[in-house]
Amino acid sequence: MLTSLNIPHLHQGTTSLVEWQLNQQRSEIKALKQLLEKFHQLAHQDANIFFALLPLQKKLFAADDFQSVLKILNNWAKEYELAGVSILLFRDSWQAIDGIPQHCWLDRKAFELIRLERMGLRQCYLGDLSNKEKALLFLPEELPIGSVAICRLTGSAQRPSALLVFKSRDTAGFHNGQDTVFLRHIIDIAALHLSPWLASCDH
């Protein structure tokens, strides 16, 4: 009975449960291969970064849901004396899914001005935000925030679908001109681990 169960898909019409499970497994295997290739390259390019990120990678690999990923990233960030990490999903890029708090959803129109003025076509913006911009991205209890690193986690430069945001109490914690190599590797790791969990709600 379960093998004949049909599941509606936004792009492909109706698919069977078995087909859906196989597609999920293929996506997970592909993501794992990409991650292993990324770490293989990193081990050769910069051993210090590789070994610094290895514990984070192990914990993320063991995480089984969005909240677990968020908790792991926040605990890791605090080890580096950061205020925390946010993962923000654009409402028009994902279907609503249980287990993702409301404050993790972001309206694209509201963010567009920040994207145009702060990020442009870059993957990361490092620096300060206005009070209005902070109010859009963060809960009142997360304030005060001195500086941020806003990183495009998934999607294109002109149409991101998810953001990874690092928060610092220090106004000089993140600033223009900083090396983003370390951040980019964290982005790659987080994106690869999030993809299997978010793929089922992708528009």
N, C-alpha and C. Protein backbone atom coordinates (compact mmCIF):
# COMPACT_ATOMS: atom_id res chain seq x y z
N MET A 1 0.83 -1.21 0.00
CA MET A 1 0.00 0.00 0.00
C MET A 1 0.86 1.26 0.00
N LEU A 2 1.90 1.26 0.87
CA LEU A 2 2.76 2.44 0.95
C LEU A 2 3.51 2.68 -0.35
N THR A 3 3.89 1.59 -1.04
CA THR A 3 4.65 1.75 -2.28
C THR A 3 3.83 2.37 -3.38
N SER A 4 2.52 2.28 -3.27
CA SER A 4 1.65 2.85 -4.31
C SER A 4 1.13 4.23 -3.93
N LEU A 5 1.52 4.71 -2.75
CA LEU A 5 1.07 6.02 -2.29
C LEU A 5 1.65 7.10 -3.19
N ASN A 6 0.82 8.00 -3.67
CA ASN A 6 1.26 9.09 -4.53
C ASN A 6 1.44 10.36 -3.72
N ILE A 7 2.50 11.09 -4.04
CA ILE A 7 2.82 12.33 -3.34
C ILE A 7 2.83 13.47 -4.34
N PRO A 8 2.06 14.54 -4.13
CA PRO A 8 2.08 15.68 -5.06
C PRO A 8 3.41 16.41 -4.98
N HIS A 9 3.96 16.78 -6.12
CA HIS A 9 5.21 17.53 -6.20
C HIS A 9 4.97 18.80 -7.01
N LEU A 10 5.52 19.90 -6.54
CA LEU A 10 5.23 21.20 -7.16
C LEU A 10 5.70 21.29 -8.60
N HIS A 11 6.82 20.60 -8.93
CA HIS A 11 7.36 20.71 -10.29
C HIS A 11 7.04 19.48 -11.15
N GLN A 12 7.04 18.29 -10.54
CA GLN A 12 7.00 17.06 -11.32
C GLN A 12 5.63 16.39 -11.34
N GLY A 13 4.62 17.00 -10.76
CA GLY A 13 3.31 16.38 -10.73
C GLY A 13 3.23 15.37 -9.60
N THR A 14 2.70 14.18 -9.89
CA THR A 14 2.54 13.15 -8.87
C THR A 14 3.66 12.12 -8.97
N THR A 15 4.23 11.75 -7.82
CA THR A 15 5.30 10.76 -7.79
C THR A 15 5.00 9.76 -6.68
N SER A 16 5.47 8.51 -6.84
CA SER A 16 5.22 7.48 -5.83
C SER A 16 6.12 7.68 -4.62
N LEU A 17 5.75 7.06 -3.51
CA LEU A 17 6.54 7.17 -2.29
C LEU A 17 7.94 6.59 -2.49
N VAL A 18 8.03 5.46 -3.21
CA VAL A 18 9.33 4.84 -3.47
C VAL A 18 10.21 5.77 -4.29
N GLU A 19 9.63 6.36 -5.35
CA GLU A 19 10.39 7.29 -6.18
C GLU A 19 10.86 8.48 -5.36
N TRP A 20 9.99 8.97 -4.50
CA TRP A 20 10.34 10.11 -3.66
C TRP A 20 11.49 9.76 -2.72
N GLN A 21 11.43 8.56 -2.12
CA GLN A 21 12.49 8.12 -1.21
C GLN A 21 13.81 7.95 -1.95
N LEU A 22 13.75 7.38 -3.16
CA LEU A 22 14.97 7.21 -3.96
C LEU A 22 15.58 8.55 -4.32
N ASN A 23 14.73 9.51 -4.69
CA ASN A 23 15.22 10.84 -5.02
C ASN A 23 15.88 11.50 -3.81
N GLN A 24 15.26 11.30 -2.63
CA GLN A 24 15.83 11.85 -1.40
C GLN A 24 17.20 11.24 -1.12
N GLN A 25 17.32 9.92 -1.31
CA GLN A 25 18.58 9.24 -1.07
C GLN A 25 19.65 9.71 -2.05
N ARG A 26 19.26 9.89 -3.31
CA ARG A 26 20.21 10.37 -4.31
C ARG A 26 20.71 11.77 -3.95
N SER A 27 19.79 12.62 -3.50
CA SER A 27 20.16 13.98 -3.11
C SER A 27 21.14 13.96 -1.94
N GLU A 28 20.87 13.09 -0.97
CA GLU A 28 21.74 13.00 0.20
C GLU A 28 23.12 12.48 -0.17
N ILE A 29 23.17 11.48 -1.05
CA ILE A 29 24.46 10.92 -1.49
C ILE A 29 25.24 11.97 -2.28
N LYS A 30 24.55 12.70 -3.15
CA LYS A 30 25.21 13.74 -3.93
C LYS A 30 25.77 14.83 -3.02
N ALA A 31 24.98 15.24 -2.02
CA ALA A 31 25.43 16.27 -1.08
C ALA A 31 26.64 15.79 -0.29
N LEU A 32 26.62 14.52 0.11
CA LEU A 32 27.74 13.97 0.88
C LEU A 32 29.01 13.93 0.03
N LYS A 33 28.88 13.53 -1.24
CA LYS A 33 30.04 13.50 -2.14
C LYS A 33 30.61 14.90 -2.32
N GLN A 34 29.73 15.89 -2.49
CA GLN A 34 30.19 17.27 -2.63
C GLN A 34 30.93 17.73 -1.39
N LEU A 35 30.40 17.35 -0.24
CA LEU A 35 31.01 17.75 1.03
C LEU A 35 32.39 17.11 1.18
N LEU A 36 32.50 15.83 0.85
CA LEU A 36 33.79 15.14 0.95
C LEU A 36 34.81 15.75 0.00
N GLU A 37 34.37 16.10 -1.21
CA GLU A 37 35.27 16.74 -2.16
C GLU A 37 35.74 18.10 -1.65
N LYS A 38 34.79 18.84 -1.05
CA LYS A 38 35.13 20.16 -0.50
C LYS A 38 36.16 20.03 0.61
N PHE A 39 35.97 19.06 1.49
CA PHE A 39 36.91 18.87 2.61
C PHE A 39 38.25 18.35 2.12
N HIS A 40 38.24 17.53 1.07
CA HIS A 40 39.49 17.04 0.50
C HIS A 40 40.31 18.21 -0.05
N GLN A 41 39.64 19.11 -0.75
CA GLN A 41 40.31 20.30 -1.29
C GLN A 41 40.82 21.19 -0.17
N LEU A 42 39.98 21.37 0.85
CA LEU A 42 40.35 22.24 1.96
C LEU A 42 41.55 21.69 2.72
N ALA A 43 41.61 20.37 2.89
CA ALA A 43 42.72 19.75 3.61
C ALA A 43 44.05 20.04 2.92
N HIS A 44 44.03 20.11 1.59
CA HIS A 44 45.24 20.40 0.84
C HIS A 44 45.55 21.90 0.82
N GLN A 45 44.51 22.72 0.78
CA GLN A 45 44.70 24.17 0.65
C GLN A 45 45.08 24.83 1.96
N ASP A 46 44.40 24.49 3.03
CA ASP A 46 44.63 25.14 4.32
C ASP A 46 44.31 24.17 5.45
N ALA A 47 45.33 23.53 5.96
CA ALA A 47 45.15 22.53 7.00
C ALA A 47 44.58 23.13 8.28
N ASN A 48 44.96 24.38 8.59
CA ASN A 48 44.47 25.02 9.82
C ASN A 48 42.95 25.18 9.80
N ILE A 49 42.42 25.66 8.67
CA ILE A 49 40.97 25.82 8.54
C ILE A 49 40.29 24.46 8.56
N PHE A 50 40.89 23.51 7.88
CA PHE A 50 40.32 22.16 7.82
C PHE A 50 40.13 21.58 9.22
N PHE A 51 41.17 21.64 10.04
CA PHE A 51 41.08 21.05 11.38
C PHE A 51 40.21 21.88 12.31
N ALA A 52 40.12 23.20 12.06
CA ALA A 52 39.24 24.05 12.88
C ALA A 52 37.77 23.73 12.62
N LEU A 53 37.45 23.36 11.38
CA LEU A 53 36.06 23.10 11.00
C LEU A 53 35.65 21.64 11.15
N LEU A 54 36.61 20.76 11.37
CA LEU A 54 36.30 19.34 11.46
C LEU A 54 35.32 19.00 12.58
N PRO A 55 35.49 19.53 13.80
CA PRO A 55 34.50 19.24 14.86
C PRO A 55 33.09 19.73 14.51
N LEU A 56 33.02 20.92 13.88
CA LEU A 56 31.72 21.45 13.47
C LEU A 56 31.08 20.54 12.45
N GLN A 57 31.87 20.10 11.49
CA GLN A 57 31.37 19.21 10.45
C GLN A 57 30.81 17.91 11.05
N LYS A 58 31.50 17.34 12.01
CA LYS A 58 31.06 16.09 12.63
C LYS A 58 29.72 16.27 13.33
N LYS A 59 29.57 17.38 14.04
CA LYS A 59 28.32 17.65 14.76
C LYS A 59 27.16 17.88 13.80
N LEU A 60 27.41 18.63 12.72
CA LEU A 60 26.36 18.88 11.75
C LEU A 60 25.94 17.59 11.04
N PHE A 61 26.89 16.74 10.80
CA PHE A 61 26.58 15.48 10.14
C PHE A 61 25.64 14.63 11.00
N ALA A 62 25.76 14.76 12.32
CA ALA A 62 24.93 13.98 13.24
C ALA A 62 23.58 14.64 13.51
N ALA A 63 23.41 15.90 13.11
CA ALA A 63 22.16 16.62 13.37
C ALA A 63 21.04 16.04 12.51
N ASP A 64 19.81 16.02 13.07
CA ASP A 64 18.72 15.41 12.32
C ASP A 64 17.57 16.36 12.00
N ASP A 65 17.70 17.64 12.35
CA ASP A 65 16.65 18.59 11.98
C ASP A 65 17.19 20.02 12.00
N PHE A 66 16.35 20.94 11.54
CA PHE A 66 16.73 22.35 11.40
C PHE A 66 17.15 22.96 12.73
N GLN A 67 16.37 22.68 13.77
CA GLN A 67 16.66 23.24 15.09
C GLN A 67 18.00 22.75 15.61
N SER A 68 18.33 21.50 15.34
CA SER A 68 19.61 20.94 15.78
C SER A 68 20.77 21.66 15.09
N VAL A 69 20.61 21.90 13.79
CA VAL A 69 21.64 22.62 13.03
C VAL A 69 21.86 24.01 13.61
N LEU A 70 20.75 24.69 13.89
CA LEU A 70 20.83 26.04 14.43
C LEU A 70 21.52 26.05 15.79
N LYS A 71 21.20 25.09 16.63
CA LYS A 71 21.81 25.00 17.95
C LYS A 71 23.31 24.73 17.85
N ILE A 72 23.68 23.83 16.96
CA ILE A 72 25.10 23.49 16.78
C ILE A 72 25.88 24.71 16.29
N LEU A 73 25.33 25.42 15.31
CA LEU A 73 26.00 26.60 14.78
C LEU A 73 26.14 27.69 15.84
N ASN A 74 25.10 27.87 16.66
CA ASN A 74 25.16 28.88 17.71
C ASN A 74 26.18 28.53 18.78
N ASN A 75 26.23 27.27 19.17
CA ASN A 75 27.24 26.85 20.15
C ASN A 75 28.64 27.04 19.61
N TRP A 76 28.81 26.71 18.34
CA TRP A 76 30.12 26.88 17.70
C TRP A 76 30.50 28.36 17.65
N ALA A 77 29.55 29.22 17.27
CA ALA A 77 29.82 30.65 17.16
C ALA A 77 30.23 31.25 18.51
N LYS A 78 29.60 30.79 19.58
CA LYS A 78 29.92 31.33 20.90
C LYS A 78 31.33 30.95 21.35
N GLU A 79 31.85 29.84 20.82
CA GLU A 79 33.23 29.46 21.10
C GLU A 79 34.20 30.48 20.50
N TYR A 80 33.74 31.18 19.47
CA TYR A 80 34.55 32.22 18.83
C TYR A 80 34.14 33.62 19.31
N GLU A 81 33.45 33.66 20.45
CA GLU A 81 33.03 34.91 21.10
C GLU A 81 32.09 35.74 20.23
N LEU A 82 31.27 35.06 19.45
CA LEU A 82 30.22 35.73 18.68
C LEU A 82 28.91 35.66 19.46
N ALA A 83 27.98 36.56 19.13
CA ALA A 83 26.69 36.59 19.82
C ALA A 83 25.78 35.46 19.36
N GLY A 84 26.01 34.94 18.17
CA GLY A 84 25.18 33.85 17.69
C GLY A 84 25.08 33.81 16.17
N VAL A 85 24.25 32.89 15.70
CA VAL A 85 24.04 32.68 14.27
C VAL A 85 22.54 32.56 13.99
N SER A 86 22.10 33.13 12.88
CA SER A 86 20.71 32.99 12.44
C SER A 86 20.69 32.36 11.04
N ILE A 87 19.71 31.52 10.80
CA ILE A 87 19.43 31.04 9.44
C ILE A 87 18.07 31.59 9.06
N LEU A 88 18.03 32.38 8.00
CA LEU A 88 16.80 33.03 7.57
C LEU A 88 16.39 32.49 6.21
N LEU A 89 15.14 32.06 6.10
CA LEU A 89 14.60 31.49 4.87
C LEU A 89 13.59 32.45 4.25
N PHE A 90 13.71 32.69 2.96
CA PHE A 90 12.77 33.58 2.28
C PHE A 90 11.44 32.85 2.07
N ARG A 91 10.36 33.52 2.45
CA ARG A 91 9.03 32.90 2.42
C ARG A 91 8.63 32.43 1.02
N ASP A 92 9.04 33.18 -0.01
CA ASP A 92 8.62 32.83 -1.36
C ASP A 92 9.51 31.77 -2.01
N SER A 93 10.48 31.25 -1.27
CA SER A 93 11.36 30.22 -1.81
C SER A 93 11.11 28.85 -1.20
N TRP A 94 10.37 28.83 -0.09
CA TRP A 94 10.15 27.57 0.62
C TRP A 94 8.69 27.45 1.06
N GLN A 95 8.20 26.25 1.12
CA GLN A 95 6.89 26.00 1.71
C GLN A 95 7.04 25.99 3.23
N ALA A 96 5.97 26.32 3.93
CA ALA A 96 5.99 26.27 5.39
C ALA A 96 6.28 24.84 5.84
N ILE A 97 7.11 24.71 6.85
CA ILE A 97 7.48 23.39 7.34
C ILE A 97 7.53 23.41 8.86
N ASP A 98 7.02 22.35 9.46
CA ASP A 98 7.01 22.25 10.92
C ASP A 98 8.45 22.20 11.44
N GLY A 99 8.66 22.80 12.59
CA GLY A 99 9.98 22.75 13.21
C GLY A 99 10.84 23.95 12.90
N ILE A 100 10.37 24.84 12.02
CA ILE A 100 11.12 26.05 11.72
C ILE A 100 10.39 27.23 12.35
N PRO A 101 11.00 27.92 13.32
CA PRO A 101 10.33 29.03 14.01
C PRO A 101 9.96 30.17 13.07
N GLN A 102 8.94 30.91 13.43
CA GLN A 102 8.47 32.03 12.60
C GLN A 102 9.55 33.08 12.38
N HIS A 103 10.39 33.31 13.39
CA HIS A 103 11.40 34.36 13.24
C HIS A 103 12.51 33.98 12.26
N CYS A 104 12.48 32.73 11.78
CA CYS A 104 13.47 32.31 10.78
C CYS A 104 13.00 32.56 9.35
N TRP A 105 11.76 33.05 9.21
CA TRP A 105 11.22 33.36 7.88
C TRP A 105 11.41 34.84 7.57
N LEU A 106 11.74 35.14 6.31
CA LEU A 106 12.05 36.51 5.92
C LEU A 106 11.27 36.90 4.67
N ASP A 107 10.74 38.12 4.68
CA ASP A 107 10.01 38.64 3.52
C ASP A 107 11.00 39.22 2.52
N ARG A 108 10.92 38.80 1.27
CA ARG A 108 11.90 39.23 0.27
C ARG A 108 11.83 40.74 0.00
N LYS A 109 10.62 41.28 -0.10
CA LYS A 109 10.49 42.71 -0.38
C LYS A 109 11.12 43.54 0.72
N ALA A 110 10.94 43.11 1.95
CA ALA A 110 11.51 43.85 3.08
C ALA A 110 13.04 43.79 3.06
N PHE A 111 13.59 42.67 2.61
CA PHE A 111 15.04 42.50 2.61
C PHE A 111 15.71 43.11 1.39
N GLU A 112 14.95 43.38 0.34
CA GLU A 112 15.54 43.79 -0.93
C GLU A 112 16.42 45.03 -0.81
N LEU A 113 16.02 45.99 0.00
CA LEU A 113 16.82 47.21 0.15
C LEU A 113 18.16 46.89 0.79
N ILE A 114 18.16 45.99 1.78
CA ILE A 114 19.42 45.58 2.40
C ILE A 114 20.30 44.88 1.37
N ARG A 115 19.69 44.02 0.57
CA ARG A 115 20.47 43.30 -0.45
C ARG A 115 21.11 44.26 -1.44
N LEU A 116 20.33 45.23 -1.90
CA LEU A 116 20.84 46.17 -2.89
C LEU A 116 21.91 47.09 -2.31
N GLU A 117 21.67 47.61 -1.11
CA GLU A 117 22.59 48.59 -0.53
C GLU A 117 23.80 47.95 0.15
N ARG A 118 23.61 46.77 0.73
CA ARG A 118 24.68 46.17 1.51
C ARG A 118 25.44 45.06 0.77
N MET A 119 24.69 44.17 0.12
CA MET A 119 25.33 42.99 -0.46
C MET A 119 25.65 43.13 -1.94
N GLY A 120 24.73 43.71 -2.70
CA GLY A 120 24.92 43.74 -4.14
C GLY A 120 24.95 42.33 -4.68
N LEU A 121 25.98 42.00 -5.45
CA LEU A 121 26.12 40.66 -6.01
C LEU A 121 27.09 39.80 -5.21
N ARG A 122 27.59 40.34 -4.10
CA ARG A 122 28.54 39.60 -3.27
C ARG A 122 27.83 38.52 -2.46
N GLN A 123 28.57 37.52 -2.08
CA GLN A 123 27.99 36.46 -1.26
C GLN A 123 27.87 36.88 0.20
N CYS A 124 28.76 37.77 0.64
CA CYS A 124 28.77 38.18 2.05
C CYS A 124 28.84 39.69 2.20
N TYR A 125 28.14 40.19 3.20
CA TYR A 125 28.30 41.58 3.64
C TYR A 125 28.79 41.55 5.08
N LEU A 126 29.87 42.27 5.36
CA LEU A 126 30.43 42.35 6.70
C LEU A 126 30.42 43.81 7.14
N GLY A 127 29.80 44.08 8.28
CA GLY A 127 29.78 45.45 8.78
C GLY A 127 28.58 45.73 9.68
N ASP A 128 28.22 47.00 9.75
CA ASP A 128 27.14 47.45 10.63
C ASP A 128 25.82 47.46 9.87
N LEU A 129 24.73 47.56 10.62
CA LEU A 129 23.39 47.73 10.07
C LEU A 129 22.71 48.87 10.80
N SER A 130 21.74 49.49 10.13
CA SER A 130 20.95 50.52 10.80
C SER A 130 19.99 49.84 11.79
N ASN A 131 19.43 50.62 12.68
CA ASN A 131 18.47 50.06 13.65
C ASN A 131 17.26 49.44 12.95
N LYS A 132 16.83 50.08 11.85
CA LYS A 132 15.69 49.56 11.09
C LYS A 132 16.03 48.21 10.46
N GLU A 133 17.24 48.08 9.94
CA GLU A 133 17.67 46.83 9.33
C GLU A 133 17.79 45.72 10.38
N LYS A 134 18.30 46.09 11.55
CA LYS A 134 18.43 45.10 12.63
C LYS A 134 17.06 44.61 13.08
N ALA A 135 16.10 45.53 13.13
CA ALA A 135 14.74 45.16 13.56
C ALA A 135 14.10 44.17 12.58
N LEU A 136 14.47 44.27 11.31
CA LEU A 136 13.93 43.35 10.30
C LEU A 136 14.51 41.95 10.46
N LEU A 137 15.80 41.87 10.79
CA LEU A 137 16.49 40.59 10.79
C LEU A 137 16.53 39.87 12.14
N PHE A 138 16.39 40.64 13.23
CA PHE A 138 16.61 40.04 14.54
C PHE A 138 15.45 40.29 15.50
N LEU A 139 15.30 39.38 16.45
CA LEU A 139 14.33 39.55 17.52
C LEU A 139 14.84 40.59 18.52
N PRO A 140 13.94 41.28 19.23
CA PRO A 140 14.37 42.29 20.22
C PRO A 140 15.35 41.73 21.24
N GLU A 141 15.16 40.48 21.66
CA GLU A 141 16.04 39.90 22.67
C GLU A 141 17.44 39.58 22.15
N GLU A 142 17.61 39.61 20.83
CA GLU A 142 18.94 39.38 20.25
C GLU A 142 19.80 40.64 20.27
N LEU A 143 19.17 41.79 20.46
CA LEU A 143 19.88 43.06 20.47
C LEU A 143 20.50 43.30 21.84
N PRO A 144 21.56 44.15 21.95
CA PRO A 144 22.18 44.90 20.86
C PRO A 144 23.15 44.05 20.04
N ILE A 145 23.29 44.41 18.79
CA ILE A 145 24.23 43.77 17.88
C ILE A 145 25.13 44.84 17.29
N GLY A 146 26.43 44.65 17.43
CA GLY A 146 27.38 45.65 16.96
C GLY A 146 27.69 45.55 15.49
N SER A 147 27.88 44.33 14.99
CA SER A 147 28.20 44.14 13.58
C SER A 147 27.76 42.74 13.15
N VAL A 148 27.66 42.55 11.85
CA VAL A 148 27.14 41.29 11.32
C VAL A 148 27.92 40.82 10.11
N ALA A 149 27.79 39.55 9.83
CA ALA A 149 28.22 38.99 8.55
C ALA A 149 26.98 38.32 7.96
N ILE A 150 26.41 38.95 6.93
CA ILE A 150 25.23 38.39 6.26
C ILE A 150 25.72 37.62 5.03
N CYS A 151 25.45 36.34 5.00
CA CYS A 151 25.97 35.48 3.93
C CYS A 151 24.83 34.79 3.18
N ARG A 152 24.92 34.82 1.86
CA ARG A 152 23.95 34.08 1.05
C ARG A 152 24.25 32.60 1.19
N LEU A 153 23.31 31.87 1.75
CA LEU A 153 23.50 30.44 2.01
C LEU A 153 23.13 29.60 0.79
N THR A 154 21.97 29.89 0.22
CA THR A 154 21.52 29.19 -0.98
C THR A 154 20.83 30.20 -1.90
N GLY A 155 20.65 29.81 -3.17
CA GLY A 155 20.03 30.71 -4.13
C GLY A 155 21.07 31.51 -4.90
N SER A 156 20.59 32.40 -5.76
CA SER A 156 21.48 33.21 -6.59
C SER A 156 21.76 34.56 -5.94
N ALA A 157 22.70 35.30 -6.52
CA ALA A 157 23.06 36.61 -5.98
C ALA A 157 21.88 37.57 -6.00
N GLN A 158 21.08 37.52 -7.07
CA GLN A 158 19.94 38.42 -7.20
C GLN A 158 18.69 37.89 -6.52
N ARG A 159 18.68 36.58 -6.27
CA ARG A 159 17.50 35.99 -5.63
C ARG A 159 17.94 34.90 -4.64
N PRO A 160 18.47 35.32 -3.50
CA PRO A 160 18.85 34.33 -2.49
C PRO A 160 17.62 33.63 -1.94
N SER A 161 17.78 32.39 -1.50
CA SER A 161 16.65 31.67 -0.91
C SER A 161 16.84 31.44 0.59
N ALA A 162 18.09 31.58 1.06
CA ALA A 162 18.37 31.45 2.49
C ALA A 162 19.62 32.24 2.84
N LEU A 163 19.65 32.77 4.05
CA LEU A 163 20.79 33.54 4.54
C LEU A 163 21.36 32.90 5.80
N LEU A 164 22.67 33.00 5.94
CA LEU A 164 23.34 32.62 7.18
C LEU A 164 23.92 33.91 7.76
N VAL A 165 23.49 34.27 8.97
CA VAL A 165 23.87 35.57 9.55
C VAL A 165 24.63 35.35 10.85
N PHE A 166 25.85 35.86 10.89
CA PHE A 166 26.67 35.81 12.10
C PHE A 166 26.56 37.15 12.82
N LYS A 167 26.40 37.09 14.15
CA LYS A 167 26.18 38.31 14.93
C LYS A 167 27.30 38.50 15.94
N SER A 168 27.76 39.76 16.05
CA SER A 168 28.80 40.10 17.03
C SER A 168 28.35 41.30 17.85
N ARG A 169 28.64 41.28 19.14
CA ARG A 169 28.36 42.44 19.99
C ARG A 169 29.34 43.57 19.69
N ASP A 170 30.50 43.21 19.21
CA ASP A 170 31.57 44.16 18.93
C ASP A 170 31.31 44.87 17.60
N THR A 171 31.35 46.20 17.61
CA THR A 171 31.12 46.96 16.37
C THR A 171 32.23 46.70 15.34
N ALA A 172 33.38 46.25 15.81
CA ALA A 172 34.49 45.96 14.90
C ALA A 172 34.64 44.46 14.65
N GLY A 173 33.67 43.68 15.13
CA GLY A 173 33.76 42.23 14.96
C GLY A 173 33.77 41.81 13.51
N PHE A 174 32.90 42.43 12.71
CA PHE A 174 32.87 42.21 11.27
C PHE A 174 32.97 43.55 10.57
N HIS A 175 33.81 43.63 9.57
CA HIS A 175 33.98 44.90 8.87
C HIS A 175 34.42 44.67 7.43
N ASN A 176 34.22 45.67 6.61
CA ASN A 176 34.58 45.60 5.20
C ASN A 176 36.07 45.36 5.04
N GLY A 177 36.43 44.47 4.14
CA GLY A 177 37.83 44.18 3.89
C GLY A 177 38.34 42.94 4.62
N GLN A 178 37.53 42.40 5.52
CA GLN A 178 37.93 41.18 6.23
C GLN A 178 38.02 40.00 5.28
N ASP A 179 38.93 39.09 5.56
CA ASP A 179 39.04 37.85 4.79
C ASP A 179 37.81 36.98 5.06
N THR A 180 37.18 36.52 4.00
CA THR A 180 35.95 35.73 4.15
C THR A 180 36.15 34.24 3.83
N VAL A 181 37.41 33.81 3.69
CA VAL A 181 37.68 32.41 3.34
C VAL A 181 37.06 31.46 4.37
N PHE A 182 37.28 31.75 5.65
CA PHE A 182 36.75 30.91 6.72
C PHE A 182 35.22 30.86 6.66
N LEU A 183 34.61 32.05 6.49
CA LEU A 183 33.15 32.12 6.41
C LEU A 183 32.61 31.32 5.23
N ARG A 184 33.29 31.40 4.11
CA ARG A 184 32.81 30.71 2.91
C ARG A 184 32.81 29.19 3.09
N HIS A 185 33.78 28.69 3.81
CA HIS A 185 33.81 27.25 4.07
C HIS A 185 32.67 26.85 5.00
N ILE A 186 32.36 27.70 5.99
CA ILE A 186 31.23 27.42 6.87
C ILE A 186 29.93 27.44 6.08
N ILE A 187 29.81 28.40 5.16
CA ILE A 187 28.62 28.49 4.30
C ILE A 187 28.45 27.20 3.50
N ASP A 188 29.54 26.73 2.90
CA ASP A 188 29.48 25.50 2.10
C ASP A 188 29.01 24.32 2.94
N ILE A 189 29.57 24.21 4.14
CA ILE A 189 29.22 23.10 5.02
C ILE A 189 27.75 23.18 5.42
N ALA A 190 27.32 24.36 5.86
CA ALA A 190 25.94 24.53 6.31
C ALA A 190 24.95 24.29 5.17
N ALA A 191 25.27 24.80 3.98
CA ALA A 191 24.37 24.64 2.83
C ALA A 191 24.20 23.17 2.46
N LEU A 192 25.29 22.42 2.47
CA LEU A 192 25.22 21.01 2.11
C LEU A 192 24.43 20.20 3.13
N HIS A 193 24.53 20.57 4.39
CA HIS A 193 23.79 19.83 5.42
C HIS A 193 22.32 20.23 5.46
N LEU A 194 22.03 21.47 5.15
CA LEU A 194 20.64 21.93 5.18
C LEU A 194 19.83 21.43 3.99
N SER A 195 20.47 21.29 2.86
CA SER A 195 19.76 20.95 1.62
C SER A 195 18.85 19.72 1.74
N PRO A 196 19.31 18.59 2.28
CA PRO A 196 18.42 17.42 2.36
C PRO A 196 17.18 17.67 3.21
N TRP A 197 17.32 18.49 4.25
CA TRP A 197 16.18 18.73 5.15
C TRP A 197 15.20 19.74 4.57
N LEU A 198 15.70 20.63 3.73
CA LEU A 198 14.83 21.67 3.18
C LEU A 198 14.34 21.36 1.77
N ALA A 199 14.93 20.34 1.12
CA ALA A 199 14.58 20.04 -0.27
C ALA A 199 13.11 19.73 -0.45
N SER A 200 12.51 19.08 0.53
CA SER A 200 11.11 18.67 0.40
C SER A 200 10.13 19.83 0.44
N CYS A 201 10.60 21.01 0.89
CA CYS A 201 9.69 22.16 0.94
C CYS A 201 10.10 23.25 -0.04
N ASP A 202 10.99 22.89 -1.00
CA ASP A 202 11.47 23.86 -1.97
C ASP A 202 10.39 24.12 -3.02
N HIS A 203 10.21 25.46 -3.34
CA HIS A 203 9.32 25.82 -4.44
C HIS A 203 9.99 25.50 -5.77
